[in-house]
């Protein structure tokens, strides 16, 4: 009988990631992976965010892949910081029931990187 309250507490203490929407993908430049430690930032304009910090932030792995979790199904703006330059924004849509993949090619632009979906 003691197992039931303990199980209930474990379920309540699960992180919010269990109810989050997964967004993942890869970044490429000139036909090759961008490599590790490239910042991927997501800002969701419909959320109240007084300090202007990104709603989600991650970095790429060795293969140029990224993975992050967003709260619920929302429309957000994704940006990438590569070689000290920030990209333009690209709208992404998360889905809390299914993971969503966004693969991008970075294109050198005059004022920053341009993101083209692959």
PDB file of N, CA and C in Angstrom:
ATOM      1  N   UNK A   1       0.813  -1.198   0.000  1.00  0.00           N
ATOM      2  CA  UNK A   1       0.000   0.000   0.000  1.00  0.00           C
ATOM      3  C   UNK A   1       0.857   1.263   0.000  1.00  0.00           C
ATOM      4  N   UNK A   2       2.077   1.164   0.540  1.00  0.00           N
ATOM      5  CA  UNK A   2       2.956   2.322   0.569  1.00  0.00           C
ATOM      6  C   UNK A   2       3.488   2.648  -0.818  1.00  0.00           C
ATOM      7  N   UNK A   3       3.444   1.686  -1.713  1.00  0.00           N
ATOM      8  CA  UNK A   3       3.966   1.912  -3.058  1.00  0.00           C
ATOM      9  C   UNK A   3       3.115   2.897  -3.847  1.00  0.00           C
ATOM     10  N   UNK A   4       1.820   2.917  -3.596  1.00  0.00           N
ATOM     11  CA  UNK A   4       0.930   3.807  -4.328  1.00  0.00           C
ATOM     12  C   UNK A   4       1.238   5.280  -4.081  1.00  0.00           C
ATOM     13  N   UNK A   5       1.361   5.760  -2.818  1.00  0.00           N
ATOM     14  CA  UNK A   5       1.704   7.172  -2.615  1.00  0.00           C
ATOM     15  C   UNK A   5       3.082   7.527  -3.175  1.00  0.00           C
ATOM     16  N   UNK A   6       4.034   6.609  -3.055  1.00  0.00           N
ATOM     17  CA  UNK A   6       5.367   6.880  -3.586  1.00  0.00           C
ATOM     18  C   UNK A   6       5.315   6.984  -5.106  1.00  0.00           C
ATOM     19  N   UNK A   7       4.581   6.106  -5.741  1.00  0.00           N
ATOM     20  CA  UNK A   7       4.437   6.162  -7.195  1.00  0.00           C
ATOM     21  C   UNK A   7       3.774   7.460  -7.625  1.00  0.00           C
ATOM     22  N   UNK A   8       2.787   7.877  -6.875  1.00  0.00           N
ATOM     23  CA  UNK A   8       2.083   9.122  -7.190  1.00  0.00           C
ATOM     24  C   UNK A   8       3.025  10.317  -7.092  1.00  0.00           C
ATOM     25  N   UNK A   9       3.871  10.347  -6.074  1.00  0.00           N
ATOM     26  CA  UNK A   9       4.836  11.425  -5.922  1.00  0.00           C
ATOM     27  C   UNK A   9       5.865  11.432  -7.053  1.00  0.00           C
ATOM     28  N   UNK A  10       6.270  10.264  -7.481  1.00  0.00           N
ATOM     29  CA  UNK A  10       7.228  10.177  -8.585  1.00  0.00           C
ATOM     30  C   UNK A  10       6.618  10.742  -9.863  1.00  0.00           C
ATOM     31  N   UNK A  11       5.370  10.412 -10.129  1.00  0.00           N
ATOM     32  CA  UNK A  11       4.693  10.917 -11.323  1.00  0.00           C
ATOM     33  C   UNK A  11       4.560  12.430 -11.261  1.00  0.00           C
ATOM     34  N   UNK A  12       4.233  12.973 -10.107  1.00  0.00           N
ATOM     35  CA  UNK A  12       4.093  14.421  -9.967  1.00  0.00           C
ATOM     36  C   UNK A  12       5.421  15.149 -10.079  1.00  0.00           C
ATOM     37  N   UNK A  13       6.498  14.491  -9.729  1.00  0.00           N
ATOM     38  CA  UNK A  13       7.790  15.153  -9.765  1.00  0.00           C
ATOM     39  C   UNK A  13       8.510  15.029 -11.099  1.00  0.00           C
ATOM     40  N   UNK A  14       7.898  14.379 -12.084  1.00  0.00           N
ATOM     41  CA  UNK A  14       8.520  14.279 -13.400  1.00  0.00           C
ATOM     42  C   UNK A  14       8.728  15.667 -13.990  1.00  0.00           C
ATOM     43  N   UNK A  15       9.784  15.864 -14.725  1.00  0.00           N
ATOM     44  CA  UNK A  15      10.032  17.184 -15.294  1.00  0.00           C
ATOM     45  C   UNK A  15       8.986  17.552 -16.341  1.00  0.00           C
ATOM     46  N   UNK A  16       8.931  18.826 -16.620  1.00  0.00           N
ATOM     47  CA  UNK A  16       7.976  19.340 -17.607  1.00  0.00           C
ATOM     48  C   UNK A  16       8.261  18.828 -19.009  1.00  0.00           C
ATOM     49  N   UNK A  17       9.411  18.223 -19.230  1.00  0.00           N
ATOM     50  CA  UNK A  17       9.745  17.717 -20.560  1.00  0.00           C
ATOM     51  C   UNK A  17       8.774  16.644 -21.036  1.00  0.00           C
ATOM     52  N   UNK A  18       8.127  15.967 -20.114  1.00  0.00           N
ATOM     53  CA  UNK A  18       7.196  14.935 -20.532  1.00  0.00           C
ATOM     54  C   UNK A  18       5.994  15.526 -21.250  1.00  0.00           C
ATOM     55  N   UNK A  19       5.736  16.810 -21.047  1.00  0.00           N
ATOM     56  CA  UNK A  19       4.616  17.481 -21.693  1.00  0.00           C
ATOM     57  C   UNK A  19       5.100  18.492 -22.723  1.00  0.00           C
ATOM     58  N   UNK A  20       6.356  18.391 -23.118  1.00  0.00           N
ATOM     59  CA  UNK A  20       6.943  19.363 -24.022  1.00  0.00           C
ATOM     60  C   UNK A  20       6.955  18.841 -25.456  1.00  0.00           C
ATOM     61  N   UNK A  21       7.100  19.771 -26.366  1.00  0.00           N
ATOM     62  CA  UNK A  21       7.179  19.451 -27.788  1.00  0.00           C
ATOM     63  C   UNK A  21       8.649  19.384 -28.189  1.00  0.00           C
ATOM     64  N   UNK A  22       9.018  18.324 -28.869  1.00  0.00           N
ATOM     65  CA  UNK A  22      10.402  18.151 -29.281  1.00  0.00           C
ATOM     66  C   UNK A  22      10.620  18.706 -30.680  1.00  0.00           C
ATOM     67  N   UNK A  23      11.670  19.524 -30.816  1.00  0.00           N
ATOM     68  CA  UNK A  23      12.095  20.063 -32.105  1.00  0.00           C
ATOM     69  C   UNK A  23      13.552  19.638 -32.285  1.00  0.00           C
ATOM     70  N   UNK A  24      13.870  19.100 -33.454  1.00  0.00           N
ATOM     71  CA  UNK A  24      15.235  18.643 -33.695  1.00  0.00           C
ATOM     72  C   UNK A  24      15.575  18.848 -35.156  1.00  0.00           C
ATOM     73  N   UNK A  25      16.852  18.702 -35.477  1.00  0.00           N
ATOM     74  CA  UNK A  25      17.270  18.840 -36.866  1.00  0.00           C
ATOM     75  C   UNK A  25      18.775  18.935 -36.983  1.00  0.00           C
ATOM     76  N   UNK A  26      19.228  19.413 -38.140  1.00  0.00           N
ATOM     77  CA  UNK A  26      20.662  19.546 -38.384  1.00  0.00           C
ATOM     78  C   UNK A  26      20.932  20.847 -39.128  1.00  0.00           C
ATOM     79  N   UNK A  27      22.184  21.293 -39.018  1.00  0.00           N
ATOM     80  CA  UNK A  27      22.626  22.518 -39.688  1.00  0.00           C
ATOM     81  C   UNK A  27      23.802  22.180 -40.585  1.00  0.00           C
ATOM     82  N   UNK A  28      23.782  22.741 -41.802  1.00  0.00           N
ATOM     83  CA  UNK A  28      24.855  22.504 -42.765  1.00  0.00           C
ATOM     84  C   UNK A  28      25.287  23.841 -43.366  1.00  0.00           C
ATOM     85  N   UNK A  29      26.555  23.895 -43.754  1.00  0.00           N
ATOM     86  CA  UNK A  29      27.099  25.057 -44.446  1.00  0.00           C
ATOM     87  C   UNK A  29      28.025  24.541 -45.542  1.00  0.00           C
ATOM     88  N   UNK A  30      27.809  24.994 -46.765  1.00  0.00           N
ATOM     89  CA  UNK A  30      28.585  24.544 -47.932  1.00  0.00           C
ATOM     90  C   UNK A  30      28.568  23.023 -48.080  1.00  0.00           C
ATOM     91  N   UNK A  31      27.431  22.423 -47.832  1.00  0.00           N
ATOM     92  CA  UNK A  31      27.269  20.993 -48.028  1.00  0.00           C
ATOM     93  C   UNK A  31      27.843  20.110 -46.933  1.00  0.00           C
ATOM     94  N   UNK A  32      28.390  20.707 -45.878  1.00  0.00           N
ATOM     95  CA  UNK A  32      28.967  19.922 -44.786  1.00  0.00           C
ATOM     96  C   UNK A  32      28.357  20.362 -43.456  1.00  0.00           C
ATOM     97  N   UNK A  33      28.498  19.521 -42.472  1.00  0.00           N
ATOM     98  CA  UNK A  33      27.998  19.828 -41.131  1.00  0.00           C
ATOM     99  C   UNK A  33      28.686  21.075 -40.571  1.00  0.00           C
ATOM    100  N   UNK A  34      27.951  21.841 -39.772  1.00  0.00           N
ATOM    101  CA  UNK A  34      28.552  23.018 -39.138  1.00  0.00           C
ATOM    102  C   UNK A  34      29.437  22.620 -37.964  1.00  0.00           C
ATOM    103  N   UNK A  35      29.329  21.379 -37.511  1.00  0.00           N
ATOM    104  CA  UNK A  35      30.147  20.908 -36.404  1.00  0.00           C
ATOM    105  C   UNK A  35      29.538  21.215 -35.045  1.00  0.00           C
ATOM    106  N   UNK A  36      30.335  21.043 -33.989  1.00  0.00           N
ATOM    107  CA  UNK A  36      29.800  21.191 -32.636  1.00  0.00           C
ATOM    108  C   UNK A  36      29.742  22.642 -32.165  1.00  0.00           C
ATOM    109  N   UNK A  37      28.946  22.867 -31.129  1.00  0.00           N
ATOM    110  CA  UNK A  37      28.886  24.116 -30.364  1.00  0.00           C
ATOM    111  C   UNK A  37      28.359  25.326 -31.131  1.00  0.00           C
ATOM    112  N   UNK A  38      27.517  25.104 -32.119  1.00  0.00           N
ATOM    113  CA  UNK A  38      26.835  26.215 -32.794  1.00  0.00           C
ATOM    114  C   UNK A  38      25.530  26.455 -32.036  1.00  0.00           C
ATOM    115  N   UNK A  39      25.294  27.699 -31.630  1.00  0.00           N
ATOM    116  CA  UNK A  39      24.105  28.017 -30.838  1.00  0.00           C
ATOM    117  C   UNK A  39      22.845  28.028 -31.698  1.00  0.00           C
ATOM    118  N   UNK A  40      21.796  27.417 -31.159  1.00  0.00           N
ATOM    119  CA  UNK A  40      20.472  27.440 -31.763  1.00  0.00           C
ATOM    120  C   UNK A  40      19.537  28.046 -30.722  1.00  0.00           C
ATOM    121  N   UNK A  41      18.909  29.172 -31.072  1.00  0.00           N
ATOM    122  CA  UNK A  41      18.052  29.910 -30.149  1.00  0.00           C
ATOM    123  C   UNK A  41      16.627  29.924 -30.662  1.00  0.00           C
ATOM    124  N   UNK A  42      15.670  29.756 -29.770  1.00  0.00           N
ATOM    125  CA  UNK A  42      14.257  29.811 -30.139  1.00  0.00           C
ATOM    126  C   UNK A  42      13.559  30.811 -29.236  1.00  0.00           C
ATOM    127  N   UNK A  43      12.818  31.721 -29.854  1.00  0.00           N
ATOM    128  CA  UNK A  43      12.023  32.718 -29.131  1.00  0.00           C
ATOM    129  C   UNK A  43      10.580  32.588 -29.604  1.00  0.00           C
ATOM    130  N   UNK A  44       9.671  32.467 -28.662  1.00  0.00           N
ATOM    131  CA  UNK A  44       8.247  32.342 -28.980  1.00  0.00           C
ATOM    132  C   UNK A  44       7.557  33.663 -28.647  1.00  0.00           C
ATOM    133  N   UNK A  45       7.228  34.486 -29.641  1.00  0.00           N
ATOM    134  CA  UNK A  45       6.716  35.833 -29.396  1.00  0.00           C
ATOM    135  C   UNK A  45       5.384  35.882 -28.658  1.00  0.00           C
ATOM    136  N   UNK A  46       4.595  34.831 -28.700  1.00  0.00           N
ATOM    137  CA  UNK A  46       3.298  34.854 -28.036  1.00  0.00           C
ATOM    138  C   UNK A  46       3.404  34.643 -26.533  1.00  0.00           C
ATOM    139  N   UNK A  47       4.577  34.316 -26.042  1.00  0.00           N
ATOM    140  CA  UNK A  47       4.781  34.111 -24.610  1.00  0.00           C
ATOM    141  C   UNK A  47       5.263  35.400 -23.964  1.00  0.00           C
ATOM    142  N   UNK A  48       4.873  35.608 -22.726  1.00  0.00           N
ATOM    143  CA  UNK A  48       5.353  36.766 -21.978  1.00  0.00           C
ATOM    144  C   UNK A  48       6.773  36.460 -21.527  1.00  0.00           C
ATOM    145  N   UNK A  49       7.712  37.263 -21.992  1.00  0.00           N
ATOM    146  CA  UNK A  49       9.127  37.044 -21.711  1.00  0.00           C
ATOM    147  C   UNK A  49       9.756  38.411 -21.468  1.00  0.00           C
ATOM    148  N   UNK A  50       9.675  38.887 -20.230  1.00  0.00           N
ATOM    149  CA  UNK A  50      10.109  40.251 -19.907  1.00  0.00           C
ATOM    150  C   UNK A  50      11.613  40.458 -20.047  1.00  0.00           C
ATOM    151  N   UNK A  51      12.410  39.421 -19.807  1.00  0.00           N
ATOM    152  CA  UNK A  51      13.863  39.591 -19.853  1.00  0.00           C
ATOM    153  C   UNK A  51      14.459  39.319 -21.233  1.00  0.00           C
ATOM    154  N   UNK A  52      13.637  39.003 -22.223  1.00  0.00           N
ATOM    155  CA  UNK A  52      14.048  38.787 -23.610  1.00  0.00           C
ATOM    156  C   UNK A  52      15.039  37.643 -23.790  1.00  0.00           C
ATOM    157  N   UNK A  53      15.104  36.728 -22.834  1.00  0.00           N
ATOM    158  CA  UNK A  53      15.934  35.537 -23.005  1.00  0.00           C
ATOM    159  C   UNK A  53      15.212  34.585 -23.940  1.00  0.00           C
ATOM    160  N   UNK A  54      15.954  33.732 -24.667  1.00  0.00           N
ATOM    161  CA  UNK A  54      15.277  32.773 -25.544  1.00  0.00           C
ATOM    162  C   UNK A  54      14.454  31.771 -24.740  1.00  0.00           C
ATOM    163  N   UNK A  55      13.359  31.313 -25.332  1.00  0.00           N
ATOM    164  CA  UNK A  55      12.530  30.302 -24.680  1.00  0.00           C
ATOM    165  C   UNK A  55      13.229  28.952 -24.650  1.00  0.00           C
ATOM    166  N   UNK A  56      14.079  28.695 -25.618  1.00  0.00           N
ATOM    167  CA  UNK A  56      14.869  27.471 -25.653  1.00  0.00           C
ATOM    168  C   UNK A  56      16.216  27.799 -26.286  1.00  0.00           C
ATOM    169  N   UNK A  57      17.246  27.129 -25.802  1.00  0.00           N
ATOM    170  CA  UNK A  57      18.596  27.379 -26.305  1.00  0.00           C
ATOM    171  C   UNK A  57      19.364  26.073 -26.222  1.00  0.00           C
ATOM    172  N   UNK A  58      20.095  25.754 -27.273  1.00  0.00           N
ATOM    173  CA  UNK A  58      20.916  24.551 -27.274  1.00  0.00           C
ATOM    174  C   UNK A  58      22.102  24.779 -28.192  1.00  0.00           C
ATOM    175  N   UNK A  59      22.990  23.804 -28.245  1.00  0.00           N
ATOM    176  CA  UNK A  59      24.114  23.848 -29.176  1.00  0.00           C
ATOM    177  C   UNK A  59      24.132  22.545 -29.972  1.00  0.00           C
ATOM    178  N   UNK A  60      24.781  22.594 -31.110  1.00  0.00           N
ATOM    179  CA  UNK A  60      24.859  21.410 -31.961  1.00  0.00           C
ATOM    180  C   UNK A  60      25.909  20.433 -31.422  1.00  0.00           C
ATOM    181  N   UNK A  61      25.753  19.176 -31.827  1.00  0.00           N
ATOM    182  CA  UNK A  61      26.744  18.157 -31.475  1.00  0.00           C
ATOM    183  C   UNK A  61      27.786  18.066 -32.590  1.00  0.00           C
ATOM    184  N   UNK A  62      28.650  17.065 -32.555  1.00  0.00           N
ATOM    185  CA  UNK A  62      29.723  16.924 -33.558  1.00  0.00           C
ATOM    186  C   UNK A  62      29.196  16.803 -34.981  1.00  0.00           C
ATOM    187  N   UNK A  63      28.002  16.235 -35.125  1.00  0.00           N
ATOM    188  CA  UNK A  63      27.425  16.042 -36.456  1.00  0.00           C
ATOM    189  C   UNK A  63      26.599  17.242 -36.915  1.00  0.00           C
ATOM    190  N   UNK A  64      26.554  18.303 -36.125  1.00  0.00           N
ATOM    191  CA  UNK A  64      25.770  19.483 -36.489  1.00  0.00           C
ATOM    192  C   UNK A  64      24.287  19.329 -36.200  1.00  0.00           C
ATOM    193  N   UNK A  65      23.933  18.366 -35.363  1.00  0.00           N
ATOM    194  CA  UNK A  65      22.529  18.126 -35.013  1.00  0.00           C
ATOM    195  C   UNK A  65      22.179  18.838 -33.709  1.00  0.00           C
ATOM    196  N   UNK A  66      20.927  19.219 -33.589  1.00  0.00           N
ATOM    197  CA  UNK A  66      20.443  19.856 -32.364  1.00  0.00           C
ATOM    198  C   UNK A  66      19.122  19.218 -31.964  1.00  0.00           C
ATOM    199  N   UNK A  67      18.772  19.396 -30.696  1.00  0.00           N
ATOM    200  CA  UNK A  67      17.517  18.865 -30.153  1.00  0.00           C
ATOM    201  C   UNK A  67      17.123  19.758 -28.985  1.00  0.00           C
ATOM    202  N   UNK A  68      15.851  20.146 -28.947  1.00  0.00           N
ATOM    203  CA  UNK A  68      15.362  20.971 -27.844  1.00  0.00           C
ATOM    204  C   UNK A  68      13.894  20.685 -27.590  1.00  0.00           C
ATOM    205  N   UNK A  69      13.423  21.148 -26.468  1.00  0.00           N
ATOM    206  CA  UNK A  69      12.034  20.936 -26.077  1.00  0.00           C
ATOM    207  C   UNK A  69      11.367  22.279 -25.832  1.00  0.00           C
ATOM    208  N   UNK A  70      10.156  22.444 -26.377  1.00  0.00           N
ATOM    209  CA  UNK A  70       9.365  23.656 -26.192  1.00  0.00           C
ATOM    210  C   UNK A  70       8.083  23.291 -25.463  1.00  0.00           C
ATOM    211  N   UNK A  71       7.550  24.234 -24.741  1.00  0.00           N
ATOM    212  CA  UNK A  71       6.318  23.971 -23.992  1.00  0.00           C
ATOM    213  C   UNK A  71       5.106  24.101 -24.901  1.00  0.00           C
ATOM    214  N   UNK A  72       4.474  22.993 -25.196  1.00  0.00           N
ATOM    215  CA  UNK A  72       3.232  22.987 -25.959  1.00  0.00           C
ATOM    216  C   UNK A  72       3.418  23.166 -27.448  1.00  0.00           C
ATOM    217  N   UNK A  73       2.303  23.269 -28.141  1.00  0.00           N
ATOM    218  CA  UNK A  73       2.296  23.487 -29.590  1.00  0.00           C
ATOM    219  C   UNK A  73       2.236  24.986 -29.846  1.00  0.00           C
ATOM    220  N   UNK A  74       3.313  25.539 -30.349  1.00  0.00           N
ATOM    221  CA  UNK A  74       3.399  26.989 -30.537  1.00  0.00           C
ATOM    222  C   UNK A  74       4.156  27.328 -31.822  1.00  0.00           C
ATOM    223  N   UNK A  75       3.990  28.571 -32.267  1.00  0.00           N
ATOM    224  CA  UNK A  75       4.758  29.112 -33.380  1.00  0.00           C
ATOM    225  C   UNK A  75       5.899  29.926 -32.780  1.00  0.00           C
ATOM    226  N   UNK A  76       7.127  29.637 -33.193  1.00  0.00           N
ATOM    227  CA  UNK A  76       8.304  30.296 -32.636  1.00  0.00           C
ATOM    228  C   UNK A  76       9.252  30.728 -33.749  1.00  0.00           C
ATOM    229  N   UNK A  77      10.249  31.500 -33.364  1.00  0.00           N
ATOM    230  CA  UNK A  77      11.291  31.953 -34.282  1.00  0.00           C
ATOM    231  C   UNK A  77      12.597  31.271 -33.914  1.00  0.00           C
ATOM    232  N   UNK A  78      13.242  30.646 -34.879  1.00  0.00           N
ATOM    233  CA  UNK A  78      14.526  29.986 -34.659  1.00  0.00           C
ATOM    234  C   UNK A  78      15.618  30.838 -35.282  1.00  0.00           C
ATOM    235  N   UNK A  79      16.714  31.003 -34.554  1.00  0.00           N
ATOM    236  CA  UNK A  79      17.894  31.705 -35.045  1.00  0.00           C
ATOM    237  C   UNK A  79      19.126  30.870 -34.727  1.00  0.00           C
ATOM    238  N   UNK A  80      20.181  31.073 -35.503  1.00  0.00           N
ATOM    239  CA  UNK A  80      21.424  30.334 -35.320  1.00  0.00           C
ATOM    240  C   UNK A  80      22.560  31.339 -35.204  1.00  0.00           C
ATOM    241  N   UNK A  81      23.508  31.086 -34.294  1.00  0.00           N
ATOM    242  CA  UNK A  81      24.715  31.903 -34.179  1.00  0.00           C
ATOM    243  C   UNK A  81      25.891  31.016 -34.592  1.00  0.00           C
ATOM    244  N   UNK A  82      26.492  31.366 -35.732  1.00  0.00           N
ATOM    245  CA  UNK A  82      27.591  30.572 -36.306  1.00  0.00           C
ATOM    246  C   UNK A  82      28.739  31.513 -36.663  1.00  0.00           C
ATOM    247  N   UNK A  83      29.934  31.196 -36.213  1.00  0.00           N
ATOM    248  CA  UNK A  83      31.131  32.027 -36.449  1.00  0.00           C
ATOM    249  C   UNK A  83      30.908  33.475 -36.027  1.00  0.00           C
ATOM    250  N   UNK A  84      30.214  33.673 -34.918  1.00  0.00           N
ATOM    251  CA  UNK A  84      30.019  35.013 -34.378  1.00  0.00           C
ATOM    252  C   UNK A  84      28.944  35.844 -35.053  1.00  0.00           C
ATOM    253  N   UNK A  85      28.264  35.298 -36.053  1.00  0.00           N
ATOM    254  CA  UNK A  85      27.209  36.025 -36.766  1.00  0.00           C
ATOM    255  C   UNK A  85      25.877  35.332 -36.545  1.00  0.00           C
ATOM    256  N   UNK A  86      24.843  36.134 -36.382  1.00  0.00           N
ATOM    257  CA  UNK A  86      23.505  35.587 -36.156  1.00  0.00           C
ATOM    258  C   UNK A  86      22.750  35.488 -37.473  1.00  0.00           C
ATOM    259  N   UNK A  87      21.907  34.478 -37.562  1.00  0.00           N
ATOM    260  CA  UNK A  87      21.111  34.279 -38.774  1.00  0.00           C
ATOM    261  C   UNK A  87      19.833  35.098 -38.712  1.00  0.00           C
ATOM    262  N   UNK A  88      19.149  35.149 -39.834  1.00  0.00           N
ATOM    263  CA  UNK A  88      17.806  35.705 -39.841  1.00  0.00           C
ATOM    264  C   UNK A  88      16.896  34.727 -39.103  1.00  0.00           C
ATOM    265  N   UNK A  89      15.676  35.147 -38.831  1.00  0.00           N
ATOM    266  CA  UNK A  89      14.758  34.250 -38.126  1.00  0.00           C
ATOM    267  C   UNK A  89      14.027  33.360 -39.123  1.00  0.00           C
ATOM    268  N   UNK A  90      13.707  32.181 -38.665  1.00  0.00           N
ATOM    269  CA  UNK A  90      12.908  31.248 -39.451  1.00  0.00           C
ATOM    270  C   UNK A  90      11.806  30.745 -38.541  1.00  0.00           C
ATOM    271  N   UNK A  91      10.553  30.852 -38.975  1.00  0.00           N
ATOM    272  CA  UNK A  91       9.445  30.410 -38.144  1.00  0.00           C
ATOM    273  C   UNK A  91       9.394  28.890 -38.104  1.00  0.00           C
ATOM    274  N   UNK A  92       9.214  28.361 -36.904  1.00  0.00           N
ATOM    275  CA  UNK A  92       9.039  26.924 -36.718  1.00  0.00           C
ATOM    276  C   UNK A  92       7.754  26.696 -35.929  1.00  0.00           C
ATOM    277  N   UNK A  93       7.203  25.530 -36.081  1.00  0.00           N
ATOM    278  CA  UNK A  93       5.971  25.166 -35.393  1.00  0.00           C
ATOM    279  C   UNK A  93       6.225  23.864 -34.638  1.00  0.00           C
ATOM    280  N   UNK A  94       5.973  23.891 -33.342  1.00  0.00           N
ATOM    281  CA  UNK A  94       6.165  22.677 -32.547  1.00  0.00           C
ATOM    282  C   UNK A  94       4.829  21.959 -32.382  1.00  0.00           C
ATOM    283  N   UNK A  95       4.917  20.689 -32.111  1.00  0.00           N
ATOM    284  CA  UNK A  95       3.726  19.863 -31.928  1.00  0.00           C
ATOM    285  C   UNK A  95       3.962  19.000 -30.701  1.00  0.00           C
ATOM    286  N   UNK A  96       3.111  19.147 -29.688  1.00  0.00           N
ATOM    287  CA  UNK A  96       3.355  18.415 -28.450  1.00  0.00           C
ATOM    288  C   UNK A  96       3.064  16.922 -28.561  1.00  0.00           C
ATOM    289  N   UNK A  97       2.478  16.483 -29.660  1.00  0.00           N
ATOM    290  CA  UNK A  97       2.212  15.049 -29.809  1.00  0.00           C
ATOM    291  C   UNK A  97       3.266  14.330 -30.635  1.00  0.00           C
ATOM    292  N   UNK A  98       3.910  15.015 -31.571  1.00  0.00           N
ATOM    293  CA  UNK A  98       4.922  14.393 -32.431  1.00  0.00           C
ATOM    294  C   UNK A  98       6.162  15.280 -32.519  1.00  0.00           C
ATOM    295  N   UNK A  99       7.349  14.695 -32.540  1.00  0.00           N
ATOM    296  CA  UNK A  99       8.565  15.480 -32.758  1.00  0.00           C
ATOM    297  C   UNK A  99       8.549  16.108 -34.157  1.00  0.00           C
ATOM    298  N   UNK A 100       9.140  17.282 -34.280  1.00  0.00           N
ATOM    299  CA  UNK A 100       9.180  17.990 -35.558  1.00  0.00           C
ATOM    300  C   UNK A 100      10.642  18.207 -35.941  1.00  0.00           C
ATOM    301  N   UNK A 101      10.966  17.888 -37.200  1.00  0.00           N
ATOM    302  CA  UNK A 101      12.346  18.008 -37.685  1.00  0.00           C
ATOM    303  C   UNK A 101      12.495  19.254 -38.562  1.00  0.00           C
ATOM    304  N   UNK A 102      13.550  20.022 -38.290  1.00  0.00           N
ATOM    305  CA  UNK A 102      13.893  21.189 -39.090  1.00  0.00           C
ATOM    306  C   UNK A 102      15.376  21.114 -39.438  1.00  0.00           C
ATOM    307  N   UNK A 103      15.676  20.789 -40.687  1.00  0.00           N
ATOM    308  CA  UNK A 103      17.052  20.772 -41.192  1.00  0.00           C
ATOM    309  C   UNK A 103      17.268  22.046 -41.998  1.00  0.00           C
ATOM    310  N   UNK A 104      18.402  22.721 -41.750  1.00  0.00           N
ATOM    311  CA  UNK A 104      18.674  23.992 -42.418  1.00  0.00           C
ATOM    312  C   UNK A 104      20.044  23.999 -43.066  1.00  0.00           C
ATOM    313  N   UNK A 105      20.137  24.771 -44.149  1.00  0.00           N
ATOM    314  CA  UNK A 105      21.397  25.083 -44.808  1.00  0.00           C
ATOM    315  C   UNK A 105      21.674  26.555 -44.510  1.00  0.00           C
ATOM    316  N   UNK A 106      22.878  26.868 -44.020  1.00  0.00           N
ATOM    317  CA  UNK A 106      23.275  28.252 -43.767  1.00  0.00           C
ATOM    318  C   UNK A 106      23.854  28.835 -45.052  1.00  0.00           C
ATOM    319  N   UNK A 107      23.360  29.996 -45.429  1.00  0.00           N
ATOM    320  CA  UNK A 107      23.822  30.676 -46.633  1.00  0.00           C
ATOM    321  C   UNK A 107      24.373  32.027 -46.208  1.00  0.00           C
ATOM    322  N   UNK A 108      25.539  32.365 -46.721  1.00  0.00           N
ATOM    323  CA  UNK A 108      26.191  33.617 -46.355  1.00  0.00           C
ATOM    324  C   UNK A 108      25.430  34.803 -46.944  1.00  0.00           C
ATOM    325  N   UNK A 109      24.948  35.681 -46.070  1.00  0.00           N
ATOM    326  CA  UNK A 109      24.237  36.879 -46.511  1.00  0.00           C
ATOM    327  C   UNK A 109      25.035  38.124 -46.175  1.00  0.00           C
ATOM    328  N   UNK A 110      24.574  39.271 -46.622  1.00  0.00           N
ATOM    329  CA  UNK A 110      25.304  40.518 -46.394  1.00  0.00           C
ATOM    330  C   UNK A 110      25.327  40.911 -44.920  1.00  0.00           C
ATOM    331  N   UNK A 111      24.210  40.756 -44.233  1.00  0.00           N
ATOM    332  CA  UNK A 111      24.144  41.197 -42.839  1.00  0.00           C
ATOM    333  C   UNK A 111      24.193  40.040 -41.844  1.00  0.00           C
ATOM    334  N   UNK A 112      24.213  38.819 -42.317  1.00  0.00           N
ATOM    335  CA  UNK A 112      24.239  37.656 -41.430  1.00  0.00           C
ATOM    336  C   UNK A 112      23.928  36.405 -42.228  1.00  0.00           C
ATOM    337  N   UNK A 113      23.676  35.348 -41.522  1.00  0.00           N
ATOM    338  CA  UNK A 113      23.356  34.085 -42.179  1.00  0.00           C
ATOM    339  C   UNK A 113      21.896  34.039 -42.583  1.00  0.00           C
ATOM    340  N   UNK A 114      21.637  33.406 -43.697  1.00  0.00           N
ATOM    341  CA  UNK A 114      20.277  33.132 -44.130  1.00  0.00           C
ATOM    342  C   UNK A 114      20.017  31.655 -43.905  1.00  0.00           C
ATOM    343  N   UNK A 115      18.846  31.330 -43.395  1.00  0.00           N
ATOM    344  CA  UNK A 115      18.477  29.933 -43.159  1.00  0.00           C
ATOM    345  C   UNK A 115      17.572  29.458 -44.280  1.00  0.00           C
ATOM    346  N   UNK A 116      17.976  28.404 -44.948  1.00  0.00           N
ATOM    347  CA  UNK A 116      17.133  27.792 -45.971  1.00  0.00           C
ATOM    348  C   UNK A 116      16.818  26.370 -45.524  1.00  0.00           C
ATOM    349  N   UNK A 117      15.549  26.061 -45.478  1.00  0.00           N
ATOM    350  CA  UNK A 117      15.137  24.746 -45.026  1.00  0.00           C
ATOM    351  C   UNK A 117      15.469  23.701 -46.080  1.00  0.00           C
ATOM    352  N   UNK A 118      16.011  22.584 -45.653  1.00  0.00           N
ATOM    353  CA  UNK A 118      16.352  21.494 -46.564  1.00  0.00           C
ATOM    354  C   UNK A 118      15.267  20.436 -46.524  1.00  0.00           C
TER     355      UNK A 118
END
